[in-house]
Amino acid sequence: MPQLPVISGKALIKFLEAIGFIVVRVIGSHHRLRHSDGRVTTIPVHNNQDLPKGLLRKIIREDLELDPETFIELWNLNK
């Protein structure tokens, strides 16, 4: 399995917006995003810190419903 990239919360939000997610609300440092197909996720943005690998993996698998390889391909296309 290829390694996940190191991503900040801000960069992940920008990427998700590029693939069709929309920020629906912001409460403190947590941004809630929704896709037109019903998928939702919450991304923490803490002073441009990188997201922990486990949290990123959880967001990719459970919230975005993607496998890590597909995510990495999309990430590289949208850089």
PDB file of N, CA and C in Angstrom:
ATOM      1  N   MET A   1       0.841  -1.175   0.000  1.00  0.00           N
ATOM      2  CA  MET A   1       0.000   0.000   0.000  1.00  0.00           C
ATOM      3  C   MET A   1       0.887   1.239   0.000  1.00  0.00           C
ATOM      4  N   PRO A   2       0.624   2.185  -0.898  1.00  0.00           N
ATOM      5  CA  PRO A   2       1.440   3.399  -0.931  1.00  0.00           C
ATOM      6  C   PRO A   2       1.199   4.264   0.295  1.00  0.00           C
ATOM      7  N   GLN A   3       2.203   5.061   0.611  1.00  0.00           N
ATOM      8  CA  GLN A   3       2.110   5.925   1.786  1.00  0.00           C
ATOM      9  C   GLN A   3       1.172   7.091   1.532  1.00  0.00           C
ATOM     10  N   LEU A   4       0.381   7.421   2.542  1.00  0.00           N
ATOM     11  CA  LEU A   4      -0.486   8.593   2.445  1.00  0.00           C
ATOM     12  C   LEU A   4       0.363   9.852   2.525  1.00  0.00           C
ATOM     13  N   PRO A   5      -0.021  10.890   1.794  1.00  0.00           N
ATOM     14  CA  PRO A   5       0.738  12.144   1.873  1.00  0.00           C
ATOM     15  C   PRO A   5       0.476  12.850   3.205  1.00  0.00           C
ATOM     16  N   VAL A   6       1.392  13.717   3.590  1.00  0.00           N
ATOM     17  CA  VAL A   6       1.207  14.542   4.778  1.00  0.00           C
ATOM     18  C   VAL A   6       0.371  15.748   4.338  1.00  0.00           C
ATOM     19  N   ILE A   7      -0.801  15.903   4.968  1.00  0.00           N
ATOM     20  CA  ILE A   7      -1.764  16.910   4.526  1.00  0.00           C
ATOM     21  C   ILE A   7      -2.230  17.736   5.719  1.00  0.00           C
ATOM     22  N   SER A   8      -2.302  19.047   5.538  1.00  0.00           N
ATOM     23  CA  SER A   8      -2.886  19.902   6.576  1.00  0.00           C
ATOM     24  C   SER A   8      -4.398  19.923   6.389  1.00  0.00           C
ATOM     25  N   GLY A   9      -5.109  20.371   7.402  1.00  0.00           N
ATOM     26  CA  GLY A   9      -6.559  20.466   7.307  1.00  0.00           C
ATOM     27  C   GLY A   9      -6.995  21.407   6.203  1.00  0.00           C
ATOM     28  N   LYS A  10      -6.314  22.547   6.069  1.00  0.00           N
ATOM     29  CA  LYS A  10      -6.660  23.519   5.027  1.00  0.00           C
ATOM     30  C   LYS A  10      -6.478  22.918   3.634  1.00  0.00           C
ATOM     31  N   ALA A  11      -5.381  22.200   3.436  1.00  0.00           N
ATOM     32  CA  ALA A  11      -5.116  21.590   2.127  1.00  0.00           C
ATOM     33  C   ALA A  11      -6.155  20.521   1.808  1.00  0.00           C
ATOM     34  N   LEU A  12      -6.570  19.756   2.819  1.00  0.00           N
ATOM     35  CA  LEU A  12      -7.568  18.714   2.584  1.00  0.00           C
ATOM     36  C   LEU A  12      -8.914  19.336   2.219  1.00  0.00           C
ATOM     37  N   ILE A  13      -9.282  20.419   2.867  1.00  0.00           N
ATOM     38  CA  ILE A  13     -10.539  21.098   2.537  1.00  0.00           C
ATOM     39  C   ILE A  13     -10.502  21.614   1.105  1.00  0.00           C
ATOM     40  N   LYS A  14      -9.397  22.211   0.712  1.00  0.00           N
ATOM     41  CA  LYS A  14      -9.265  22.716  -0.655  1.00  0.00           C
ATOM     42  C   LYS A  14      -9.389  21.574  -1.661  1.00  0.00           C
ATOM     43  N   PHE A  15      -8.766  20.440  -1.371  1.00  0.00           N
ATOM     44  CA  PHE A  15      -8.858  19.269  -2.235  1.00  0.00           C
ATOM     45  C   PHE A  15     -10.295  18.753  -2.317  1.00  0.00           C
ATOM     46  N   LEU A  16     -10.959  18.647  -1.166  1.00  0.00           N
ATOM     47  CA  LEU A  16     -12.328  18.141  -1.148  1.00  0.00           C
ATOM     48  C   LEU A  16     -13.275  19.053  -1.922  1.00  0.00           C
ATOM     49  N   GLU A  17     -13.050  20.350  -1.843  1.00  0.00           N
ATOM     50  CA  GLU A  17     -13.871  21.285  -2.618  1.00  0.00           C
ATOM     51  C   GLU A  17     -13.641  21.064  -4.119  1.00  0.00           C
ATOM     52  N   ALA A  18     -12.421  20.716  -4.497  1.00  0.00           N
ATOM     53  CA  ALA A  18     -12.106  20.468  -5.904  1.00  0.00           C
ATOM     54  C   ALA A  18     -12.805  19.217  -6.436  1.00  0.00           C
ATOM     55  N   ILE A  19     -13.109  18.266  -5.560  1.00  0.00           N
ATOM     56  CA  ILE A  19     -13.778  17.041  -6.020  1.00  0.00           C
ATOM     57  C   ILE A  19     -15.274  17.056  -5.706  1.00  0.00           C
ATOM     58  N   GLY A  20     -15.816  18.221  -5.360  1.00  0.00           N
ATOM     59  CA  GLY A  20     -17.266  18.340  -5.266  1.00  0.00           C
ATOM     60  C   GLY A  20     -17.867  18.523  -3.898  1.00  0.00           C
ATOM     61  N   PHE A  21     -17.077  18.563  -2.847  1.00  0.00           N
ATOM     62  CA  PHE A  21     -17.617  18.791  -1.518  1.00  0.00           C
ATOM     63  C   PHE A  21     -17.818  20.288  -1.293  1.00  0.00           C
ATOM     64  N   ILE A  22     -18.779  20.628  -0.442  1.00  0.00           N
ATOM     65  CA  ILE A  22     -19.088  22.024  -0.130  1.00  0.00           C
ATOM     66  C   ILE A  22     -19.066  22.180   1.386  1.00  0.00           C
ATOM     67  N   VAL A  23     -18.443  23.256   1.870  1.00  0.00           N
ATOM     68  CA  VAL A  23     -18.443  23.545   3.307  1.00  0.00           C
ATOM     69  C   VAL A  23     -19.847  23.994   3.678  1.00  0.00           C
ATOM     70  N   VAL A  24     -20.491  23.251   4.593  1.00  0.00           N
ATOM     71  CA  VAL A  24     -21.851  23.595   4.987  1.00  0.00           C
ATOM     72  C   VAL A  24     -21.895  24.353   6.304  1.00  0.00           C
ATOM     73  N   ARG A  25     -20.882  24.155   7.170  1.00  0.00           N
ATOM     74  CA  ARG A  25     -20.815  24.940   8.391  1.00  0.00           C
ATOM     75  C   ARG A  25     -19.432  24.835   9.002  1.00  0.00           C
ATOM     76  N   VAL A  26     -19.119  25.822   9.809  1.00  0.00           N
ATOM     77  CA  VAL A  26     -17.852  25.849  10.539  1.00  0.00           C
ATOM     78  C   VAL A  26     -18.185  26.141  11.994  1.00  0.00           C
ATOM     79  N   ILE A  27     -17.762  25.253  12.872  1.00  0.00           N
ATOM     80  CA  ILE A  27     -17.941  25.466  14.302  1.00  0.00           C
ATOM     81  C   ILE A  27     -16.555  25.422  14.926  1.00  0.00           C
ATOM     82  N   GLY A  28     -16.071  26.582  15.345  1.00  0.00           N
ATOM     83  CA  GLY A  28     -14.722  26.665  15.883  1.00  0.00           C
ATOM     84  C   GLY A  28     -13.711  26.346  14.809  1.00  0.00           C
ATOM     85  N   SER A  29     -12.921  25.307  15.035  1.00  0.00           N
ATOM     86  CA  SER A  29     -11.894  24.944  14.064  1.00  0.00           C
ATOM     87  C   SER A  29     -12.296  23.723  13.235  1.00  0.00           C
ATOM     88  N   HIS A  30     -13.559  23.308  13.338  1.00  0.00           N
ATOM     89  CA  HIS A  30     -14.010  22.117  12.620  1.00  0.00           C
ATOM     90  C   HIS A  30     -14.928  22.513  11.472  1.00  0.00           C
ATOM     91  N   HIS A  31     -14.541  22.084  10.272  1.00  0.00           N
ATOM     92  CA  HIS A  31     -15.287  22.392   9.056  1.00  0.00           C
ATOM     93  C   HIS A  31     -16.076  21.157   8.638  1.00  0.00           C
ATOM     94  N   ARG A  32     -17.370  21.330   8.449  1.00  0.00           N
ATOM     95  CA  ARG A  32     -18.246  20.230   8.017  1.00  0.00           C
ATOM     96  C   ARG A  32     -18.463  20.375   6.524  1.00  0.00           C
ATOM     97  N   LEU A  33     -18.165  19.309   5.765  1.00  0.00           N
ATOM     98  CA  LEU A  33     -18.328  19.322   4.318  1.00  0.00           C
ATOM     99  C   LEU A  33     -19.324  18.258   3.897  1.00  0.00           C
ATOM    100  N   ARG A  34     -20.072  18.550   2.831  1.00  0.00           N
ATOM    101  CA  ARG A  34     -21.072  17.625   2.314  1.00  0.00           C
ATOM    102  C   ARG A  34     -20.931  17.539   0.801  1.00  0.00           C
ATOM    103  N   HIS A  35     -21.123  16.338   0.282  1.00  0.00           N
ATOM    104  CA  HIS A  35     -21.104  16.102  -1.158  1.00  0.00           C
ATOM    105  C   HIS A  35     -22.541  15.932  -1.623  1.00  0.00           C
ATOM    106  N   SER A  36     -22.810  16.208  -2.874  1.00  0.00           N
ATOM    107  CA  SER A  36     -24.173  16.102  -3.403  1.00  0.00           C
ATOM    108  C   SER A  36     -24.733  14.680  -3.341  1.00  0.00           C
ATOM    109  N   ASP A  37     -23.851  13.679  -3.249  1.00  0.00           N
ATOM    110  CA  ASP A  37     -24.323  12.292  -3.155  1.00  0.00           C
ATOM    111  C   ASP A  37     -24.608  11.854  -1.720  1.00  0.00           C
ATOM    112  N   GLY A  38     -24.447  12.767  -0.756  1.00  0.00           N
ATOM    113  CA  GLY A  38     -24.800  12.472   0.630  1.00  0.00           C
ATOM    114  C   GLY A  38     -23.635  12.219   1.572  1.00  0.00           C
ATOM    115  N   ARG A  39     -22.441  12.065   1.046  1.00  0.00           N
ATOM    116  CA  ARG A  39     -21.288  11.846   1.932  1.00  0.00           C
ATOM    117  C   ARG A  39     -20.991  13.117   2.724  1.00  0.00           C
ATOM    118  N   VAL A  40     -20.642  12.958   3.995  1.00  0.00           N
ATOM    119  CA  VAL A  40     -20.280  14.101   4.843  1.00  0.00           C
ATOM    120  C   VAL A  40     -19.010  13.776   5.609  1.00  0.00           C
ATOM    121  N   THR A  41     -18.271  14.807   5.954  1.00  0.00           N
ATOM    122  CA  THR A  41     -17.063  14.641   6.747  1.00  0.00           C
ATOM    123  C   THR A  41     -16.799  15.912   7.530  1.00  0.00           C
ATOM    124  N   THR A  42     -16.052  15.780   8.599  1.00  0.00           N
ATOM    125  CA  THR A  42     -15.637  16.919   9.406  1.00  0.00           C
ATOM    126  C   THR A  42     -14.119  16.959   9.415  1.00  0.00           C
ATOM    127  N   ILE A  43     -13.564  18.123   9.079  1.00  0.00           N
ATOM    128  CA  ILE A  43     -12.118  18.287   9.001  1.00  0.00           C
ATOM    129  C   ILE A  43     -11.680  19.313  10.044  1.00  0.00           C
ATOM    130  N   PRO A  44     -10.755  18.942  10.947  1.00  0.00           N
ATOM    131  CA  PRO A  44     -10.241  19.930  11.897  1.00  0.00           C
ATOM    132  C   PRO A  44      -9.127  20.765  11.252  1.00  0.00           C
ATOM    133  N   VAL A  45      -9.158  22.057  11.499  1.00  0.00           N
ATOM    134  CA  VAL A  45      -8.116  22.956  10.987  1.00  0.00           C
ATOM    135  C   VAL A  45      -7.508  23.657  12.194  1.00  0.00           C
ATOM    136  N   HIS A  46      -6.339  23.197  12.614  1.00  0.00           N
ATOM    137  CA  HIS A  46      -5.674  23.747  13.790  1.00  0.00           C
ATOM    138  C   HIS A  46      -4.349  24.381  13.390  1.00  0.00           C
ATOM    139  N   ASN A  47      -4.363  25.677  13.150  1.00  0.00           N
ATOM    140  CA  ASN A  47      -3.149  26.441  12.850  1.00  0.00           C
ATOM    141  C   ASN A  47      -2.290  25.810  11.758  1.00  0.00           C
ATOM    142  N   ASN A  48      -2.918  25.318  10.711  1.00  0.00           N
ATOM    143  CA  ASN A  48      -2.220  24.726   9.571  1.00  0.00           C
ATOM    144  C   ASN A  48      -1.361  23.523   9.948  1.00  0.00           C
ATOM    145  N   GLN A  49      -1.728  22.844  11.043  1.00  0.00           N
ATOM    146  CA  GLN A  49      -1.007  21.632  11.434  1.00  0.00           C
ATOM    147  C   GLN A  49      -1.418  20.484  10.523  1.00  0.00           C
ATOM    148  N   ASP A  50      -0.514  19.521  10.367  1.00  0.00           N
ATOM    149  CA  ASP A  50      -0.805  18.339   9.568  1.00  0.00           C
ATOM    150  C   ASP A  50      -1.804  17.451  10.301  1.00  0.00           C
ATOM    151  N   LEU A  51      -2.667  16.796   9.538  1.00  0.00           N
ATOM    152  CA  LEU A  51      -3.621  15.863  10.129  1.00  0.00           C
ATOM    153  C   LEU A  51      -2.886  14.589  10.538  1.00  0.00           C
ATOM    154  N   PRO A  52      -3.249  14.014  11.685  1.00  0.00           N
ATOM    155  CA  PRO A  52      -2.645  12.732  12.062  1.00  0.00           C
ATOM    156  C   PRO A  52      -2.992  11.656  11.030  1.00  0.00           C
ATOM    157  N   LYS A  53      -2.066  10.737  10.793  1.00  0.00           N
ATOM    158  CA  LYS A  53      -2.251   9.693   9.774  1.00  0.00           C
ATOM    159  C   LYS A  53      -3.512   8.864  10.024  1.00  0.00           C
ATOM    160  N   GLY A  54      -3.774   8.504  11.285  1.00  0.00           N
ATOM    161  CA  GLY A  54      -4.951   7.702  11.604  1.00  0.00           C
ATOM    162  C   GLY A  54      -6.244   8.430  11.284  1.00  0.00           C
ATOM    163  N   LEU A  55      -6.313   9.711  11.593  1.00  0.00           N
ATOM    164  CA  LEU A  55      -7.501  10.504  11.294  1.00  0.00           C
ATOM    165  C   LEU A  55      -7.684  10.627   9.785  1.00  0.00           C
ATOM    166  N   LEU A  56      -6.604  10.886   9.062  1.00  0.00           N
ATOM    167  CA  LEU A  56      -6.681  10.989   7.610  1.00  0.00           C
ATOM    168  C   LEU A  56      -7.168   9.670   7.010  1.00  0.00           C
ATOM    169  N   ARG A  57      -6.644   8.558   7.495  1.00  0.00           N
ATOM    170  CA  ARG A  57      -7.054   7.239   7.008  1.00  0.00           C
ATOM    171  C   ARG A  57      -8.542   7.001   7.284  1.00  0.00           C
ATOM    172  N   LYS A  58      -9.025   7.404   8.467  1.00  0.00           N
ATOM    173  CA  LYS A  58     -10.434   7.257   8.828  1.00  0.00           C
ATOM    174  C   LYS A  58     -11.305   8.101   7.916  1.00  0.00           C
ATOM    175  N   ILE A  59     -10.908   9.334   7.651  1.00  0.00           N
ATOM    176  CA  ILE A  59     -11.675  10.220   6.775  1.00  0.00           C
ATOM    177  C   ILE A  59     -11.763   9.621   5.374  1.00  0.00           C
ATOM    178  N   ILE A  60     -10.645   9.110   4.872  1.00  0.00           N
ATOM    179  CA  ILE A  60     -10.619   8.542   3.521  1.00  0.00           C
ATOM    180  C   ILE A  60     -11.509   7.310   3.428  1.00  0.00           C
ATOM    181  N   ARG A  61     -11.365   6.384   4.356  1.00  0.00           N
ATOM    182  CA  ARG A  61     -12.089   5.114   4.265  1.00  0.00           C
ATOM    183  C   ARG A  61     -13.563   5.236   4.626  1.00  0.00           C
ATOM    184  N   GLU A  62     -13.870   5.874   5.754  1.00  0.00           N
ATOM    185  CA  GLU A  62     -15.240   5.878   6.249  1.00  0.00           C
ATOM    186  C   GLU A  62     -16.070   7.044   5.733  1.00  0.00           C
ATOM    187  N   ASP A  63     -15.505   8.240   5.700  1.00  0.00           N
ATOM    188  CA  ASP A  63     -16.278   9.416   5.316  1.00  0.00           C
ATOM    189  C   ASP A  63     -16.325   9.599   3.799  1.00  0.00           C
ATOM    190  N   LEU A  64     -15.167   9.505   3.145  1.00  0.00           N
ATOM    191  CA  LEU A  64     -15.115   9.701   1.698  1.00  0.00           C
ATOM    192  C   LEU A  64     -15.471   8.431   0.935  1.00  0.00           C
ATOM    193  N   GLU A  65     -15.444   7.290   1.627  1.00  0.00           N
ATOM    194  CA  GLU A  65     -15.738   5.980   1.044  1.00  0.00           C
ATOM    195  C   GLU A  65     -14.836   5.675  -0.147  1.00  0.00           C
ATOM    196  N   LEU A  66     -13.541   5.961   0.022  1.00  0.00           N
ATOM    197  CA  LEU A  66     -12.535   5.679  -0.998  1.00  0.00           C
ATOM    198  C   LEU A  66     -11.502   4.733  -0.415  1.00  0.00           C
ATOM    199  N   ASP A  67     -10.803   4.011  -1.285  1.00  0.00           N
ATOM    200  CA  ASP A  67      -9.655   3.255  -0.802  1.00  0.00           C
ATOM    201  C   ASP A  67      -8.444   4.190  -0.885  1.00  0.00           C
ATOM    202  N   PRO A  68      -7.420   3.951  -0.080  1.00  0.00           N
ATOM    203  CA  PRO A  68      -6.262   4.855  -0.044  1.00  0.00           C
ATOM    204  C   PRO A  68      -5.592   5.057  -1.397  1.00  0.00           C
ATOM    205  N   GLU A  69      -5.525   4.009  -2.237  1.00  0.00           N
ATOM    206  CA  GLU A  69      -4.881   4.144  -3.541  1.00  0.00           C
ATOM    207  C   GLU A  69      -5.639   5.128  -4.429  1.00  0.00           C
ATOM    208  N   THR A  70      -6.965   5.043  -4.424  1.00  0.00           N
ATOM    209  CA  THR A  70      -7.784   5.960  -5.214  1.00  0.00           C
ATOM    210  C   THR A  70      -7.611   7.385  -4.709  1.00  0.00           C
ATOM    211  N   PHE A  71      -7.579   7.550  -3.382  1.00  0.00           N
ATOM    212  CA  PHE A  71      -7.386   8.882  -2.808  1.00  0.00           C
ATOM    213  C   PHE A  71      -6.059   9.480  -3.268  1.00  0.00           C
ATOM    214  N   ILE A  72      -4.994   8.686  -3.223  1.00  0.00           N
ATOM    215  CA  ILE A  72      -3.671   9.184  -3.607  1.00  0.00           C
ATOM    216  C   ILE A  72      -3.667   9.579  -5.088  1.00  0.00           C
ATOM    217  N   GLU A  73      -4.313   8.783  -5.940  1.00  0.00           N
ATOM    218  CA  GLU A  73      -4.397   9.134  -7.359  1.00  0.00           C
ATOM    219  C   GLU A  73      -5.128  10.471  -7.539  1.00  0.00           C
ATOM    220  N   LEU A  74      -6.264  10.639  -6.873  1.00  0.00           N
ATOM    221  CA  LEU A  74      -7.021  11.902  -6.971  1.00  0.00           C
ATOM    222  C   LEU A  74      -6.223  13.052  -6.418  1.00  0.00           C
ATOM    223  N   TRP A  75      -5.512  12.831  -5.319  1.00  0.00           N
ATOM    224  CA  TRP A  75      -4.700  13.866  -4.684  1.00  0.00           C
ATOM    225  C   TRP A  75      -3.611  14.334  -5.655  1.00  0.00           C
ATOM    226  N   ASN A  76      -2.943  13.397  -6.311  1.00  0.00           N
ATOM    227  CA  ASN A  76      -1.874  13.741  -7.250  1.00  0.00           C
ATOM    228  C   ASN A  76      -2.405  14.469  -8.486  1.00  0.00           C
ATOM    229  N   LEU A  77      -3.627  14.139  -8.912  1.00  0.00           N
ATOM    230  CA  LEU A  77      -4.237  14.817 -10.060  1.00  0.00           C
ATOM    231  C   LEU A  77      -4.636  16.255  -9.738  1.00  0.00           C
ATOM    232  N   ASN A  78      -5.008  16.518  -8.485  1.00  0.00           N
ATOM    233  CA  ASN A  78      -5.529  17.823  -8.096  1.00  0.00           C
ATOM    234  C   ASN A  78      -4.527  18.699  -7.381  1.00  0.00           C
ATOM    235  N   LYS A  79      -3.260  18.341  -7.409  1.00  0.00           N
ATOM    236  CA  LYS A  79      -2.243  19.168  -6.738  1.00  0.00           C
ATOM    237  C   LYS A  79      -2.151  20.530  -7.349  1.00  0.00           C
TER     238      LYS A  79
END
